[in-house]
């Protein structure tokens, strides 16, 4: 297994993954990146962020980028009054 580092870019902020994750191959890296992005999007939604965007830059142990995964959660919230019940 190889250790891959899932560095996150959010706007101007670069967050280095100092621990990394063991993955068997690039398909496992992609699956882990998608799961990680889903978690970050869920956290942003819980905080009420309506236009969260980020990117994983995944690097192998040598520091070579093996995957770049952009993700976004542009949501629109509309309060819709309930329909009147018919009698």
C-alpha atoms as a PDB file:
ATOM      1  CA  UNK A   1       0.000   0.000   0.000  1.00  0.00           C
ATOM      2  CA  UNK A   2       1.039   3.557  -0.625  1.00  0.00           C
ATOM      3  CA  UNK A   3       0.349   6.581   1.554  1.00  0.00           C
ATOM      4  CA  UNK A   4      -1.458   9.411  -0.244  1.00  0.00           C
ATOM      5  CA  UNK A   5      -1.841  12.938   1.114  1.00  0.00           C
ATOM      6  CA  UNK A   6      -5.209  14.633   0.588  1.00  0.00           C
ATOM      7  CA  UNK A   7      -4.309  18.326   0.649  1.00  0.00           C
ATOM      8  CA  UNK A   8      -7.279  20.691   0.571  1.00  0.00           C
ATOM      9  CA  UNK A   9      -7.565  24.027  -1.198  1.00  0.00           C
ATOM     10  CA  UNK A  10     -10.432  26.285  -0.096  1.00  0.00           C
ATOM     11  CA  UNK A  11     -10.247  29.684  -1.783  1.00  0.00           C
ATOM     12  CA  UNK A  12      -6.829  31.126  -0.902  1.00  0.00           C
ATOM     13  CA  UNK A  13      -6.286  28.631   1.935  1.00  0.00           C
ATOM     14  CA  UNK A  14      -4.083  25.546   1.469  1.00  0.00           C
ATOM     15  CA  UNK A  15      -4.482  22.861   4.125  1.00  0.00           C
ATOM     16  CA  UNK A  16      -1.729  20.227   4.121  1.00  0.00           C
ATOM     17  CA  UNK A  17      -2.576  16.644   4.993  1.00  0.00           C
ATOM     18  CA  UNK A  18       0.299  15.696   7.293  1.00  0.00           C
ATOM     19  CA  UNK A  19      -0.871  12.139   8.032  1.00  0.00           C
ATOM     20  CA  UNK A  20      -2.042  10.711   4.718  1.00  0.00           C
ATOM     21  CA  UNK A  21      -4.132   7.629   4.019  1.00  0.00           C
ATOM     22  CA  UNK A  22      -3.037   4.168   2.891  1.00  0.00           C
ATOM     23  CA  UNK A  23      -4.633   3.304  -0.446  1.00  0.00           C
ATOM     24  CA  UNK A  24      -4.094   0.234  -2.590  1.00  0.00           C
ATOM     25  CA  UNK A  25      -4.402   1.975  -5.971  1.00  0.00           C
ATOM     26  CA  UNK A  26      -5.649   5.106  -7.746  1.00  0.00           C
ATOM     27  CA  UNK A  27      -9.247   3.829  -7.769  1.00  0.00           C
ATOM     28  CA  UNK A  28      -9.094   3.700  -3.959  1.00  0.00           C
ATOM     29  CA  UNK A  29      -7.594   7.215  -3.924  1.00  0.00           C
ATOM     30  CA  UNK A  30     -10.467   8.504  -6.037  1.00  0.00           C
ATOM     31  CA  UNK A  31     -13.046   6.787  -3.823  1.00  0.00           C
ATOM     32  CA  UNK A  32     -11.459   8.276  -0.688  1.00  0.00           C
ATOM     33  CA  UNK A  33     -11.358  11.749  -2.273  1.00  0.00           C
ATOM     34  CA  UNK A  34     -15.048  11.588  -3.204  1.00  0.00           C
ATOM     35  CA  UNK A  35     -15.968  10.417   0.304  1.00  0.00           C
ATOM     36  CA  UNK A  36     -13.863  13.206   1.821  1.00  0.00           C
ATOM     37  CA  UNK A  37     -15.432  15.818  -0.440  1.00  0.00           C
ATOM     38  CA  UNK A  38     -18.904  14.590   0.527  1.00  0.00           C
ATOM     39  CA  UNK A  39     -18.022  15.003   4.200  1.00  0.00           C
ATOM     40  CA  UNK A  40     -16.668  18.513   3.682  1.00  0.00           C
ATOM     41  CA  UNK A  41     -19.786  19.513   1.737  1.00  0.00           C
ATOM     42  CA  UNK A  42     -22.028  18.098   4.486  1.00  0.00           C
ATOM     43  CA  UNK A  43     -20.131  20.082   7.137  1.00  0.00           C
ATOM     44  CA  UNK A  44     -20.433  23.265   5.062  1.00  0.00           C
ATOM     45  CA  UNK A  45     -24.178  22.744   4.718  1.00  0.00           C
ATOM     46  CA  UNK A  46     -24.522  22.246   8.490  1.00  0.00           C
ATOM     47  CA  UNK A  47     -22.782  25.605   8.965  1.00  0.00           C
ATOM     48  CA  UNK A  48     -25.192  27.259   6.524  1.00  0.00           C
ATOM     49  CA  UNK A  49     -22.635  27.920   3.799  1.00  0.00           C
ATOM     50  CA  UNK A  50     -24.480  28.248   0.517  1.00  0.00           C
ATOM     51  CA  UNK A  51     -21.587  28.387  -1.947  1.00  0.00           C
ATOM     52  CA  UNK A  52     -18.857  26.119  -0.608  1.00  0.00           C
ATOM     53  CA  UNK A  53     -16.098  25.214  -3.049  1.00  0.00           C
ATOM     54  CA  UNK A  54     -12.854  23.366  -2.638  1.00  0.00           C
ATOM     55  CA  UNK A  55     -10.372  21.027  -4.222  1.00  0.00           C
ATOM     56  CA  UNK A  56      -8.328  18.031  -3.171  1.00  0.00           C
ATOM     57  CA  UNK A  57      -4.789  17.884  -4.511  1.00  0.00           C
ATOM     58  CA  UNK A  58      -3.772  14.314  -3.724  1.00  0.00           C
ATOM     59  CA  UNK A  59      -0.045  13.583  -3.673  1.00  0.00           C
ATOM     60  CA  UNK A  60       1.836  10.327  -3.336  1.00  0.00           C
ATOM     61  CA  UNK A  61       4.767   9.712  -0.977  1.00  0.00           C
ATOM     62  CA  UNK A  62       7.184  11.371  -3.414  1.00  0.00           C
ATOM     63  CA  UNK A  63       5.053  14.521  -3.517  1.00  0.00           C
ATOM     64  CA  UNK A  64       3.790  13.970  -7.069  1.00  0.00           C
ATOM     65  CA  UNK A  65       0.161  15.004  -7.601  1.00  0.00           C
ATOM     66  CA  UNK A  66      -1.838  11.939  -8.650  1.00  0.00           C
ATOM     67  CA  UNK A  67      -5.370  13.371  -8.482  1.00  0.00           C
ATOM     68  CA  UNK A  68      -7.026  16.761  -8.445  1.00  0.00           C
ATOM     69  CA  UNK A  69     -10.692  16.685  -7.449  1.00  0.00           C
ATOM     70  CA  UNK A  70     -12.730  19.900  -7.456  1.00  0.00           C
ATOM     71  CA  UNK A  71     -15.980  19.942  -5.507  1.00  0.00           C
ATOM     72  CA  UNK A  72     -18.708  22.499  -4.919  1.00  0.00           C
ATOM     73  CA  UNK A  73     -21.989  22.881  -3.146  1.00  0.00           C
ATOM     74  CA  UNK A  74     -23.879  25.834  -4.553  1.00  0.00           C
ATOM     75  CA  UNK A  75     -27.302  25.575  -2.951  1.00  0.00           C
ATOM     76  CA  UNK A  76     -30.304  27.832  -2.923  1.00  0.00           C
ATOM     77  CA  UNK A  77     -32.648  27.884   0.027  1.00  0.00           C
ATOM     78  CA  UNK A  78     -36.231  29.017  -0.551  1.00  0.00           C
ATOM     79  CA  UNK A  79     -38.903  29.115   2.113  1.00  0.00           C
ATOM     80  CA  UNK A  80     -42.139  28.002   0.496  1.00  0.00           C
ATOM     81  CA  UNK A  81     -45.416  28.432   2.383  1.00  0.00           C
ATOM     82  CA  UNK A  82     -47.455  25.255   2.780  1.00  0.00           C
ATOM     83  CA  UNK A  83     -50.313  24.662   0.400  1.00  0.00           C
ATOM     84  CA  UNK A  84     -53.778  25.389   1.728  1.00  0.00           C
ATOM     85  CA  UNK A  85     -55.652  22.224   2.614  1.00  0.00           C
ATOM     86  CA  UNK A  86     -58.894  21.648   0.805  1.00  0.00           C
ATOM     87  CA  UNK A  87     -61.943  20.951   2.988  1.00  0.00           C
END
